[in-house]
Every structure is written in structure tokens, then in C-alpha cells.
Amino acid sequence: MSVFISLYRCILRAHRKYLPPDARFLGNKYVQQEFRLHRNIKNPLHLIGFIDSWKDYLKGIENYAWKEYKIESVKVGKMSDEQLYQLYELMQAIEERKIERNKSLNDDR
């Protein structure tokens, strides 16, 4: 379980170091939720898959790959309805933040 906690902390540090505040807020919230939901994984294969996926995510954050990331249609096809809904909510939250940021920039002018 220490690998689990260590990875979680590394991801939060990477968010703090590499992501802008809006993305960091959303990312931290999502990571916290996912790790909380999966903290009691008993199946070793699920645990390995979970950890490997988050290690890949961490590498992407550290290499700024998140700026150009496009989700593969194969991965979308494998998502559950709940995961698709979470993705949709995340996209909406990002768009709302962009609109708010643009409004505040225009108000400053």
C-alpha cells in the first residue's frame, strides 16, 4: 500500500509544480476521488493496472504531454457510463473556467 500512497503524493507534487492553478484544482480533486475509490483494491491485477495507469499519467504531467493529450477512441469505448459522465463533467468544468477567465480578462481592460 505504500506504493499507492507514494504515487498519490508524487502526482499531487507534480500538479503543484507543472499545472496552472485551474488545472491543478480539478486534477487534485479528481486524483483524490479516484485514489479514495480504489484504496481497497484486493485483486492484484486491478491494482497493477491502476498503478501503471497513474504512473503513465505522472510521466505525462512531468513531460508537459498533458497540453497535447488526446484520448484514444478505443479508451473511450472501454469506459463505463460513470467514467464517461465524469469525463463529460470534467470537460464542462474546464470550459466554464475558460469562460470565467476570459470574462475576468475582458473586465480588466
PDB file of N, CA and C in Angstrom:
ATOM      1  N   MET A   1       0.820  -1.195   0.000  1.00  0.00           N
ATOM      2  CA  MET A   1       0.000   0.000   0.000  1.00  0.00           C
ATOM      3  C   MET A   1       0.864   1.259   0.000  1.00  0.00           C
ATOM      4  N   SER A   2       2.128   1.137   0.416  1.00  0.00           N
ATOM      5  CA  SER A   2       2.989   2.322   0.445  1.00  0.00           C
ATOM      6  C   SER A   2       3.269   2.849  -0.963  1.00  0.00           C
ATOM      7  N   VAL A   3       3.298   1.968  -1.955  1.00  0.00           N
ATOM      8  CA  VAL A   3       3.458   2.401  -3.346  1.00  0.00           C
ATOM      9  C   VAL A   3       2.260   3.257  -3.743  1.00  0.00           C
ATOM     10  N   PHE A   4       1.107   2.858  -3.294  1.00  0.00           N
ATOM     11  CA  PHE A   4      -0.146   3.557  -3.571  1.00  0.00           C
ATOM     12  C   PHE A   4      -0.085   4.995  -3.037  1.00  0.00           C
ATOM     13  N   ILE A   5       0.294   5.144  -1.774  1.00  0.00           N
ATOM     14  CA  ILE A   5       0.362   6.466  -1.140  1.00  0.00           C
ATOM     15  C   ILE A   5       1.488   7.295  -1.734  1.00  0.00           C
ATOM     16  N   SER A   6       2.620   6.669  -1.983  1.00  0.00           N
ATOM     17  CA  SER A   6       3.757   7.371  -2.575  1.00  0.00           C
ATOM     18  C   SER A   6       3.414   7.928  -3.955  1.00  0.00           C
ATOM     19  N   LEU A   7       2.745   7.130  -4.762  1.00  0.00           N
ATOM     20  CA  LEU A   7       2.336   7.568  -6.094  1.00  0.00           C
ATOM     21  C   LEU A   7       1.349   8.726  -5.994  1.00  0.00           C
ATOM     22  N   TYR A   8       0.411   8.625  -5.091  1.00  0.00           N
ATOM     23  CA  TYR A   8      -0.577   9.686  -4.866  1.00  0.00           C
ATOM     24  C   TYR A   8       0.134  11.004  -4.541  1.00  0.00           C
ATOM     25  N   ARG A   9       1.089  10.957  -3.640  1.00  0.00           N
ATOM     26  CA  ARG A   9       1.823  12.170  -3.248  1.00  0.00           C
ATOM     27  C   ARG A   9       2.659  12.717  -4.401  1.00  0.00           C
ATOM     28  N   CYS A  10       3.272  11.835  -5.171  1.00  0.00           N
ATOM     29  CA  CYS A  10       4.056  12.279  -6.335  1.00  0.00           C
ATOM     30  C   CYS A  10       3.174  13.000  -7.349  1.00  0.00           C
ATOM     31  N   ILE A  11       1.987  12.493  -7.558  1.00  0.00           N
ATOM     32  CA  ILE A  11       1.056  13.123  -8.506  1.00  0.00           C
ATOM     33  C   ILE A  11       0.663  14.512  -8.015  1.00  0.00           C
ATOM     34  N   LEU A  12       0.350  14.637  -6.730  1.00  0.00           N
ATOM     35  CA  LEU A  12      -0.017  15.952  -6.190  1.00  0.00           C
ATOM     36  C   LEU A  12       1.147  16.938  -6.283  1.00  0.00           C
ATOM     37  N   ARG A  13       2.375  16.459  -6.044  1.00  0.00           N
ATOM     38  CA  ARG A  13       3.552  17.336  -6.189  1.00  0.00           C
ATOM     39  C   ARG A  13       3.736  17.764  -7.638  1.00  0.00           C
ATOM     40  N   ALA A  14       3.520  16.838  -8.564  1.00  0.00           N
ATOM     41  CA  ALA A  14       3.639  17.168  -9.989  1.00  0.00           C
ATOM     42  C   ALA A  14       2.574  18.183 -10.391  1.00  0.00           C
ATOM     43  N   HIS A  15       1.377  18.027  -9.889  1.00  0.00           N
ATOM     44  CA  HIS A  15       0.320  19.011 -10.164  1.00  0.00           C
ATOM     45  C   HIS A  15       0.757  20.391  -9.683  1.00  0.00           C
ATOM     46  N   ARG A  16       1.300  20.437  -8.465  1.00  0.00           N
ATOM     47  CA  ARG A  16       1.729  21.712  -7.886  1.00  0.00           C
ATOM     48  C   ARG A  16       2.851  22.346  -8.714  1.00  0.00           C
ATOM     49  N   LYS A  17       3.728  21.513  -9.232  1.00  0.00           N
ATOM     50  CA  LYS A  17       4.892  22.017  -9.966  1.00  0.00           C
ATOM     51  C   LYS A  17       4.586  22.363 -11.425  1.00  0.00           C
ATOM     52  N   TYR A  18       3.759  21.570 -12.091  1.00  0.00           N
ATOM     53  CA  TYR A  18       3.617  21.691 -13.543  1.00  0.00           C
ATOM     54  C   TYR A  18       2.284  22.253 -14.046  1.00  0.00           C
ATOM     55  N   LEU A  19       1.240  22.190 -13.256  1.00  0.00           N
ATOM     56  CA  LEU A  19      -0.073  22.592 -13.764  1.00  0.00           C
ATOM     57  C   LEU A  19      -0.440  24.014 -13.351  1.00  0.00           C
ATOM     58  N   PRO A  20      -1.170  24.714 -14.214  1.00  0.00           N
ATOM     59  CA  PRO A  20      -1.698  26.022 -13.817  1.00  0.00           C
ATOM     60  C   PRO A  20      -2.760  25.823 -12.729  1.00  0.00           C
ATOM     61  N   PRO A  21      -3.045  26.868 -11.955  1.00  0.00           N
ATOM     62  CA  PRO A  21      -3.951  26.724 -10.803  1.00  0.00           C
ATOM     63  C   PRO A  21      -5.303  26.080 -11.116  1.00  0.00           C
ATOM     64  N   ASP A  22      -5.947  26.473 -12.206  1.00  0.00           N
ATOM     65  CA  ASP A  22      -7.257  25.891 -12.527  1.00  0.00           C
ATOM     66  C   ASP A  22      -7.159  24.393 -12.775  1.00  0.00           C
ATOM     67  N   ALA A  23      -6.179  23.998 -13.566  1.00  0.00           N
ATOM     68  CA  ALA A  23      -5.997  22.578 -13.876  1.00  0.00           C
ATOM     69  C   ALA A  23      -5.566  21.814 -12.629  1.00  0.00           C
ATOM     70  N   ARG A  24      -4.748  22.443 -11.804  1.00  0.00           N
ATOM     71  CA  ARG A  24      -4.293  21.795 -10.569  1.00  0.00           C
ATOM     72  C   ARG A  24      -5.481  21.515  -9.646  1.00  0.00           C
ATOM     73  N   PHE A  25      -6.375  22.473  -9.502  1.00  0.00           N
ATOM     74  CA  PHE A  25      -7.550  22.293  -8.648  1.00  0.00           C
ATOM     75  C   PHE A  25      -8.388  21.106  -9.125  1.00  0.00           C
ATOM     76  N   LEU A  26      -8.698  21.083 -10.414  1.00  0.00           N
ATOM     77  CA  LEU A  26      -9.506  19.985 -10.955  1.00  0.00           C
ATOM     78  C   LEU A  26      -8.764  18.660 -10.878  1.00  0.00           C
ATOM     79  N   GLY A  27      -7.472  18.686 -11.217  1.00  0.00           N
ATOM     80  CA  GLY A  27      -6.670  17.468 -11.191  1.00  0.00           C
ATOM     81  C   GLY A  27      -6.563  16.877  -9.798  1.00  0.00           C
ATOM     82  N   ASN A  28      -6.299  17.733  -8.810  1.00  0.00           N
ATOM     83  CA  ASN A  28      -6.186  17.250  -7.431  1.00  0.00           C
ATOM     84  C   ASN A  28      -7.491  16.627  -6.953  1.00  0.00           C
ATOM     85  N   LYS A  29      -8.572  17.278  -7.291  1.00  0.00           N
ATOM     86  CA  LYS A  29      -9.887  16.777  -6.876  1.00  0.00           C
ATOM     87  C   LYS A  29     -10.157  15.400  -7.504  1.00  0.00           C
ATOM     88  N   TYR A  30      -9.846  15.273  -8.791  1.00  0.00           N
ATOM     89  CA  TYR A  30     -10.077  14.012  -9.492  1.00  0.00           C
ATOM     90  C   TYR A  30      -9.171  12.898  -8.946  1.00  0.00           C
ATOM     91  N   VAL A  31      -7.888  13.213  -8.759  1.00  0.00           N
ATOM     92  CA  VAL A  31      -6.943  12.215  -8.254  1.00  0.00           C
ATOM     93  C   VAL A  31      -7.368  11.748  -6.861  1.00  0.00           C
ATOM     94  N   GLN A  32      -7.734  12.693  -6.021  1.00  0.00           N
ATOM     95  CA  GLN A  32      -8.179  12.345  -4.671  1.00  0.00           C
ATOM     96  C   GLN A  32      -9.378  11.398  -4.717  1.00  0.00           C
ATOM     97  N   GLN A  33     -10.327  11.711  -5.569  1.00  0.00           N
ATOM     98  CA  GLN A  33     -11.533  10.883  -5.688  1.00  0.00           C
ATOM     99  C   GLN A  33     -11.187   9.478  -6.192  1.00  0.00           C
ATOM    100  N   GLU A  34     -10.362   9.395  -7.221  1.00  0.00           N
ATOM    101  CA  GLU A  34     -10.008   8.087  -7.789  1.00  0.00           C
ATOM    102  C   GLU A  34      -9.226   7.229  -6.802  1.00  0.00           C
ATOM    103  N   PHE A  35      -8.249   7.821  -6.123  1.00  0.00           N
ATOM    104  CA  PHE A  35      -7.458   7.051  -5.172  1.00  0.00           C
ATOM    105  C   PHE A  35      -8.315   6.615  -3.982  1.00  0.00           C
ATOM    106  N   ARG A  36      -9.239   7.457  -3.569  1.00  0.00           N
ATOM    107  CA  ARG A  36     -10.134   7.087  -2.470  1.00  0.00           C
ATOM    108  C   ARG A  36     -11.034   5.918  -2.888  1.00  0.00           C
ATOM    109  N   LEU A  37     -11.551   5.971  -4.114  1.00  0.00           N
ATOM    110  CA  LEU A  37     -12.426   4.898  -4.595  1.00  0.00           C
ATOM    111  C   LEU A  37     -11.691   3.566  -4.741  1.00  0.00           C
ATOM    112  N   HIS A  38     -10.397   3.623  -5.014  1.00  0.00           N
ATOM    113  CA  HIS A  38      -9.645   2.401  -5.307  1.00  0.00           C
ATOM    114  C   HIS A  38      -8.680   1.993  -4.190  1.00  0.00           C
ATOM    115  N   ARG A  39      -8.782   2.597  -3.031  1.00  0.00           N
ATOM    116  CA  ARG A  39      -7.806   2.312  -1.970  1.00  0.00           C
ATOM    117  C   ARG A  39      -7.918   0.903  -1.399  1.00  0.00           C
ATOM    118  N   ASN A  40      -9.033   0.251  -1.587  1.00  0.00           N
ATOM    119  CA  ASN A  40      -9.222  -1.096  -1.034  1.00  0.00           C
ATOM    120  C   ASN A  40      -9.227  -2.176  -2.110  1.00  0.00           C
ATOM    121  N   ILE A  41      -8.511  -1.960  -3.188  1.00  0.00           N
ATOM    122  CA  ILE A  41      -8.438  -2.953  -4.263  1.00  0.00           C
ATOM    123  C   ILE A  41      -7.798  -4.230  -3.721  1.00  0.00           C
ATOM    124  N   LYS A  42      -8.451  -5.330  -3.934  1.00  0.00           N
ATOM    125  CA  LYS A  42      -7.934  -6.635  -3.479  1.00  0.00           C
ATOM    126  C   LYS A  42      -7.309  -7.428  -4.629  1.00  0.00           C
ATOM    127  N   ASN A  43      -7.853  -7.262  -5.823  1.00  0.00           N
ATOM    128  CA  ASN A  43      -7.364  -8.001  -6.986  1.00  0.00           C
ATOM    129  C   ASN A  43      -6.015  -7.422  -7.431  1.00  0.00           C
ATOM    130  N   PRO A  44      -4.939  -8.231  -7.386  1.00  0.00           N
ATOM    131  CA  PRO A  44      -3.613  -7.731  -7.754  1.00  0.00           C
ATOM    132  C   PRO A  44      -3.545  -7.194  -9.190  1.00  0.00           C
ATOM    133  N   LEU A  45      -4.292  -7.807 -10.104  1.00  0.00           N
ATOM    134  CA  LEU A  45      -4.273  -7.331 -11.489  1.00  0.00           C
ATOM    135  C   LEU A  45      -4.894  -5.945 -11.609  1.00  0.00           C
ATOM    136  N   HIS A  46      -5.964  -5.711 -10.877  1.00  0.00           N
ATOM    137  CA  HIS A  46      -6.591  -4.383 -10.886  1.00  0.00           C
ATOM    138  C   HIS A  46      -5.656  -3.348 -10.267  1.00  0.00           C
ATOM    139  N   LEU A  47      -4.983  -3.749  -9.190  1.00  0.00           N
ATOM    140  CA  LEU A  47      -4.056  -2.838  -8.520  1.00  0.00           C
ATOM    141  C   LEU A  47      -2.896  -2.465  -9.438  1.00  0.00           C
ATOM    142  N   ILE A  48      -2.333  -3.450 -10.114  1.00  0.00           N
ATOM    143  CA  ILE A  48      -1.225  -3.192 -11.043  1.00  0.00           C
ATOM    144  C   ILE A  48      -1.683  -2.290 -12.179  1.00  0.00           C
ATOM    145  N   GLY A  49      -2.850  -2.571 -12.730  1.00  0.00           N
ATOM    146  CA  GLY A  49      -3.385  -1.732 -13.800  1.00  0.00           C
ATOM    147  C   GLY A  49      -3.620  -0.306 -13.343  1.00  0.00           C
ATOM    148  N   PHE A  50      -4.164  -0.150 -12.148  1.00  0.00           N
ATOM    149  CA  PHE A  50      -4.428   1.174 -11.584  1.00  0.00           C
ATOM    150  C   PHE A  50      -3.121   1.946 -11.408  1.00  0.00           C
ATOM    151  N   ILE A  51      -2.143   1.310 -10.787  1.00  0.00           N
ATOM    152  CA  ILE A  51      -0.859   1.970 -10.526  1.00  0.00           C
ATOM    153  C   ILE A  51      -0.144   2.297 -11.832  1.00  0.00           C
ATOM    154  N   ASP A  52      -0.126   1.366 -12.778  1.00  0.00           N
ATOM    155  CA  ASP A  52       0.531   1.622 -14.067  1.00  0.00           C
ATOM    156  C   ASP A  52      -0.112   2.787 -14.813  1.00  0.00           C
ATOM    157  N   SER A  53      -1.425   2.851 -14.799  1.00  0.00           N
ATOM    158  CA  SER A  53      -2.124   3.951 -15.474  1.00  0.00           C
ATOM    159  C   SER A  53      -1.765   5.289 -14.850  1.00  0.00           C
ATOM    160  N   TRP A  54      -1.692   5.343 -13.531  1.00  0.00           N
ATOM    161  CA  TRP A  54      -1.362   6.605 -12.865  1.00  0.00           C
ATOM    162  C   TRP A  54       0.117   6.950 -13.012  1.00  0.00           C
ATOM    163  N   LYS A  55       0.979   5.944 -13.124  1.00  0.00           N
ATOM    164  CA  LYS A  55       2.395   6.229 -13.402  1.00  0.00           C
ATOM    165  C   LYS A  55       2.543   6.850 -14.787  1.00  0.00           C
ATOM    166  N   ASP A  56       1.804   6.337 -15.760  1.00  0.00           N
ATOM    167  CA  ASP A  56       1.811   6.924 -17.106  1.00  0.00           C
ATOM    168  C   ASP A  56       1.303   8.358 -17.067  1.00  0.00           C
ATOM    169  N   TYR A  57       0.257   8.586 -16.308  1.00  0.00           N
ATOM    170  CA  TYR A  57      -0.292   9.934 -16.152  1.00  0.00           C
ATOM    171  C   TYR A  57       0.771  10.864 -15.561  1.00  0.00           C
ATOM    172  N   LEU A  58       1.466  10.398 -14.534  1.00  0.00           N
ATOM    173  CA  LEU A  58       2.503  11.200 -13.883  1.00  0.00           C
ATOM    174  C   LEU A  58       3.615  11.564 -14.863  1.00  0.00           C
ATOM    175  N   LYS A  59       4.045  10.595 -15.664  1.00  0.00           N
ATOM    176  CA  LYS A  59       5.069  10.879 -16.686  1.00  0.00           C
ATOM    177  C   LYS A  59       4.580  11.937 -17.659  1.00  0.00           C
ATOM    178  N   GLY A  60       3.322  11.849 -18.051  1.00  0.00           N
ATOM    179  CA  GLY A  60       2.749  12.832 -18.965  1.00  0.00           C
ATOM    180  C   GLY A  60       2.737  14.225 -18.375  1.00  0.00           C
ATOM    181  N   ILE A  61       2.411  14.335 -17.095  1.00  0.00           N
ATOM    182  CA  ILE A  61       2.407  15.639 -16.419  1.00  0.00           C
ATOM    183  C   ILE A  61       3.824  16.198 -16.387  1.00  0.00           C
ATOM    184  N   GLU A  62       4.775  15.370 -16.015  1.00  0.00           N
ATOM    185  CA  GLU A  62       6.161  15.826 -15.884  1.00  0.00           C
ATOM    186  C   GLU A  62       6.779  16.206 -17.226  1.00  0.00           C
ATOM    187  N   ASN A  63       6.293  15.630 -18.303  1.00  0.00           N
ATOM    188  CA  ASN A  63       6.822  15.932 -19.640  1.00  0.00           C
ATOM    189  C   ASN A  63       5.963  16.929 -20.404  1.00  0.00           C
ATOM    190  N   TYR A  64       5.034  17.554 -19.711  1.00  0.00           N
ATOM    191  CA  TYR A  64       4.110  18.522 -20.319  1.00  0.00           C
ATOM    192  C   TYR A  64       3.281  17.911 -21.447  1.00  0.00           C
ATOM    193  N   ALA A  65       3.169  16.601 -21.482  1.00  0.00           N
ATOM    194  CA  ALA A  65       2.382  15.936 -22.523  1.00  0.00           C
ATOM    195  C   ALA A  65       0.894  16.213 -22.351  1.00  0.00           C
ATOM    196  N   TRP A  66       0.499  16.641 -21.174  1.00  0.00           N
ATOM    197  CA  TRP A  66      -0.915  16.916 -20.903  1.00  0.00           C
ATOM    198  C   TRP A  66      -1.448  18.041 -21.775  1.00  0.00           C
ATOM    199  N   LYS A  67      -0.569  18.912 -22.252  1.00  0.00           N
ATOM    200  CA  LYS A  67      -1.018  20.033 -23.082  1.00  0.00           C
ATOM    201  C   LYS A  67      -1.504  19.570 -24.450  1.00  0.00           C
ATOM    202  N   GLU A  68      -0.983  18.433 -24.903  1.00  0.00           N
ATOM    203  CA  GLU A  68      -1.312  17.946 -26.242  1.00  0.00           C
ATOM    204  C   GLU A  68      -2.068  16.621 -26.214  1.00  0.00           C
ATOM    205  N   TYR A  69      -2.453  16.159 -25.044  1.00  0.00           N
ATOM    206  CA  TYR A  69      -3.058  14.837 -24.908  1.00  0.00           C
ATOM    207  C   TYR A  69      -4.427  14.772 -25.571  1.00  0.00           C
ATOM    208  N   LYS A  70      -4.611  13.730 -26.330  1.00  0.00           N
ATOM    209  CA  LYS A  70      -5.907  13.428 -26.941  1.00  0.00           C
ATOM    210  C   LYS A  70      -6.249  11.994 -26.533  1.00  0.00           C
ATOM    211  N   ILE A  71      -7.430  11.818 -26.009  1.00  0.00           N
ATOM    212  CA  ILE A  71      -7.837  10.486 -25.565  1.00  0.00           C
ATOM    213  C   ILE A  71      -8.176   9.624 -26.782  1.00  0.00           C
ATOM    214  N   GLU A  72      -7.709   8.402 -26.751  1.00  0.00           N
ATOM    215  CA  GLU A  72      -7.934   7.488 -27.869  1.00  0.00           C
ATOM    216  C   GLU A  72      -9.377   6.991 -27.856  1.00  0.00           C
ATOM    217  N   SER A  73      -9.946   6.838 -29.040  1.00  0.00           N
ATOM    218  CA  SER A  73     -11.339   6.385 -29.130  1.00  0.00           C
ATOM    219  C   SER A  73     -11.504   4.975 -28.557  1.00  0.00           C
ATOM    220  N   VAL A  74     -10.451   4.165 -28.623  1.00  0.00           N
ATOM    221  CA  VAL A  74     -10.512   2.811 -28.051  1.00  0.00           C
ATOM    222  C   VAL A  74     -10.715   2.903 -26.537  1.00  0.00           C
ATOM    223  N   LYS A  75     -10.002   3.833 -25.899  1.00  0.00           N
ATOM    224  CA  LYS A  75     -10.148   4.002 -24.453  1.00  0.00           C
ATOM    225  C   LYS A  75     -11.537   4.521 -24.102  1.00  0.00           C
ATOM    226  N   VAL A  76     -12.053   5.430 -24.896  1.00  0.00           N
ATOM    227  CA  VAL A  76     -13.402   5.950 -24.654  1.00  0.00           C
ATOM    228  C   VAL A  76     -14.415   4.817 -24.776  1.00  0.00           C
ATOM    229  N   GLY A  77     -14.227   3.955 -25.754  1.00  0.00           N
ATOM    230  CA  GLY A  77     -15.137   2.828 -25.959  1.00  0.00           C
ATOM    231  C   GLY A  77     -15.147   1.848 -24.802  1.00  0.00           C
ATOM    232  N   LYS A  78     -14.054   1.773 -24.055  1.00  0.00           N
ATOM    233  CA  LYS A  78     -13.956   0.846 -22.928  1.00  0.00           C
ATOM    234  C   LYS A  78     -14.456   1.455 -21.615  1.00  0.00           C
ATOM    235  N   MET A  79     -14.779   2.741 -21.638  1.00  0.00           N
ATOM    236  CA  MET A  79     -15.209   3.408 -20.406  1.00  0.00           C
ATOM    237  C   MET A  79     -16.633   3.020 -20.030  1.00  0.00           C
ATOM    238  N   SER A  80     -16.848   2.963 -18.727  1.00  0.00           N
ATOM    239  CA  SER A  80     -18.207   2.718 -18.225  1.00  0.00           C
ATOM    240  C   SER A  80     -19.016   4.003 -18.372  1.00  0.00           C
ATOM    241  N   ASP A  81     -20.320   3.887 -18.194  1.00  0.00           N
ATOM    242  CA  ASP A  81     -21.179   5.074 -18.255  1.00  0.00           C
ATOM    243  C   ASP A  81     -20.762   6.104 -17.209  1.00  0.00           C
ATOM    244  N   GLU A  82     -20.399   5.627 -16.034  1.00  0.00           N
ATOM    245  CA  GLU A  82     -19.978   6.535 -14.962  1.00  0.00           C
ATOM    246  C   GLU A  82     -18.694   7.273 -15.342  1.00  0.00           C
ATOM    247  N   GLN A  83     -17.741   6.564 -15.937  1.00  0.00           N
ATOM    248  CA  GLN A  83     -16.496   7.200 -16.364  1.00  0.00           C
ATOM    249  C   GLN A  83     -16.744   8.218 -17.465  1.00  0.00           C
ATOM    250  N   LEU A  84     -17.620   7.891 -18.398  1.00  0.00           N
ATOM    251  CA  LEU A  84     -17.957   8.839 -19.463  1.00  0.00           C
ATOM    252  C   LEU A  84     -18.604  10.091 -18.886  1.00  0.00           C
ATOM    253  N   TYR A  85     -19.461   9.902 -17.909  1.00  0.00           N
ATOM    254  CA  TYR A  85     -20.107  11.046 -17.268  1.00  0.00           C
ATOM    255  C   TYR A  85     -19.073  11.909 -16.543  1.00  0.00           C
ATOM    256  N   GLN A  86     -18.113  11.271 -15.862  1.00  0.00           N
ATOM    257  CA  GLN A  86     -17.047  12.019 -15.189  1.00  0.00           C
ATOM    258  C   GLN A  86     -16.224  12.808 -16.198  1.00  0.00           C
ATOM    259  N   LEU A  87     -15.921  12.201 -17.322  1.00  0.00           N
ATOM    260  CA  LEU A  87     -15.163  12.883 -18.369  1.00  0.00           C
ATOM    261  C   LEU A  87     -15.941  14.081 -18.897  1.00  0.00           C
ATOM    262  N   TYR A  88     -17.226  13.886 -19.103  1.00  0.00           N
ATOM    263  CA  TYR A  88     -18.087  14.973 -19.570  1.00  0.00           C
ATOM    264  C   TYR A  88     -18.117  16.115 -18.549  1.00  0.00           C
ATOM    265  N   GLU A  89     -18.259  15.781 -17.267  1.00  0.00           N
ATOM    266  CA  GLU A  89     -18.264  16.809 -16.221  1.00  0.00           C
ATOM    267  C   GLU A  89     -16.938  17.559 -16.177  1.00  0.00           C
ATOM    268  N   LEU A  90     -15.850  16.842 -16.354  1.00  0.00           N
ATOM    269  CA  LEU A  90     -14.534  17.474 -16.364  1.00  0.00           C
ATOM    270  C   LEU A  90     -14.408  18.440 -17.532  1.00  0.00           C
ATOM    271  N   MET A  91     -14.858  18.022 -18.698  1.00  0.00           N
ATOM    272  CA  MET A  91     -14.805  18.896 -19.875  1.00  0.00           C
ATOM    273  C   MET A  91     -15.654  20.143 -19.655  1.00  0.00           C
ATOM    274  N   GLN A  92     -16.821  19.983 -19.051  1.00  0.00           N
ATOM    275  CA  GLN A  92     -17.683  21.134 -18.769  1.00  0.00           C
ATOM    276  C   GLN A  92     -17.020  22.088 -17.779  1.00  0.00           C
ATOM    277  N   ALA A  93     -16.406  21.545 -16.747  1.00  0.00           N
ATOM    278  CA  ALA A  93     -15.743  22.379 -15.745  1.00  0.00           C
ATOM    279  C   ALA A  93     -14.594  23.164 -16.363  1.00  0.00           C
ATOM    280  N   ILE A  94     -13.851  22.530 -17.250  1.00  0.00           N
ATOM    281  CA  ILE A  94     -12.746  23.214 -17.929  1.00  0.00           C
ATOM    282  C   ILE A  94     -13.276  24.349 -18.788  1.00  0.00           C
ATOM    283  N   GLU A  95     -14.336  24.086 -19.528  1.00  0.00           N
ATOM    284  CA  GLU A  95     -14.924  25.135 -20.377  1.00  0.00           C
ATOM    285  C   GLU A  95     -15.458  26.296 -19.541  1.00  0.00           C
ATOM    286  N   GLU A  96     -16.102  25.991 -18.416  1.00  0.00           N
ATOM    287  CA  GLU A  96     -16.608  27.047 -17.538  1.00  0.00           C
ATOM    288  C   GLU A  96     -15.467  27.905 -17.006  1.00  0.00           C
ATOM    289  N   ARG A  97     -14.369  27.274 -16.635  1.00  0.00           N
ATOM    290  CA  ARG A  97     -13.197  28.016 -16.138  1.00  0.00           C
ATOM    291  C   ARG A  97     -12.625  28.914 -17.230  1.00  0.00           C
ATOM    292  N   LYS A  98     -12.593  28.409 -18.460  1.00  0.00           N
ATOM    293  CA  LYS A  98     -12.096  29.224 -19.575  1.00  0.00           C
ATOM    294  C   LYS A  98     -12.971  30.453 -19.772  1.00  0.00           C
ATOM    295  N   ILE A  99     -14.281  30.260 -19.722  1.00  0.00           N
ATOM    296  CA  ILE A  99     -15.218  31.374 -19.897  1.00  0.00           C
ATOM    297  C   ILE A  99     -15.037  32.394 -18.774  1.00  0.00           C
ATOM    298  N   GLU A 100     -14.932  31.914 -17.530  1.00  0.00           N
ATOM    299  CA  GLU A 100     -14.726  32.809 -16.393  1.00  0.00           C
ATOM    300  C   GLU A 100     -13.424  33.585 -16.535  1.00  0.00           C
ATOM    301  N   ARG A 101     -12.371  32.900 -16.965  1.00  0.00           N
ATOM    302  CA  ARG A 101     -11.071  33.552 -17.134  1.00  0.00           C
ATOM    303  C   ARG A 101     -11.147  34.617 -18.217  1.00  0.00           C
ATOM    304  N   ASN A 102     -11.806  34.306 -19.330  1.00  0.00           N
ATOM    305  CA  ASN A 102     -11.949  35.283 -20.414  1.00  0.00           C
ATOM    306  C   ASN A 102     -12.760  36.491 -19.965  1.00  0.00           C
ATOM    307  N   LYS A 103     -13.810  36.268 -19.190  1.00  0.00           N
ATOM    308  CA  LYS A 103     -14.618  37.375 -18.676  1.00  0.00           C
ATOM    309  C   LYS A 103     -13.782  38.282 -17.787  1.00  0.00           C
ATOM    310  N   SER A 104     -12.995  37.684 -16.903  1.00  0.00           N
ATOM    311  CA  SER A 104     -12.188  38.499 -15.993  1.00  0.00           C
ATOM    312  C   SER A 104     -11.103  39.256 -16.746  1.00  0.00           C
ATOM    313  N   LEU A 105     -10.564  38.655 -17.800  1.00  0.00           N
ATOM    314  CA  LEU A 105      -9.570  39.362 -18.619  1.00  0.00           C
ATOM    315  C   LEU A 105     -10.211  40.538 -19.340  1.00  0.00           C
ATOM    316  N   ASN A 106     -11.415  40.338 -19.861  1.00  0.00           N
ATOM    317  CA  ASN A 106     -12.125  41.413 -20.555  1.00  0.00           C
ATOM    318  C   ASN A 106     -12.548  42.514 -19.590  1.00  0.00           C
ATOM    319  N   ASP A 107     -12.905  42.155 -18.370  1.00  0.00           N
ATOM    320  CA  ASP A 107     -13.294  43.149 -17.374  1.00  0.00           C
ATOM    321  C   ASP A 107     -12.108  44.013 -16.953  1.00  0.00           C
ATOM    322  N   ASP A 108     -10.908  43.433 -17.005  1.00  0.00           N
ATOM    323  CA  ASP A 108      -9.704  44.176 -16.627  1.00  0.00           C
ATOM    324  C   ASP A 108      -9.319  45.217 -17.663  1.00  0.00           C
ATOM    325  N   ARG A 109      -9.831  45.081 -18.863  1.00  0.00           N
ATOM    326  CA  ARG A 109      -9.450  46.004 -19.939  1.00  0.00           C
ATOM    327  C   ARG A 109     -10.187  47.262 -19.863  1.00  0.00           C
TER     328      ARG A 109
END
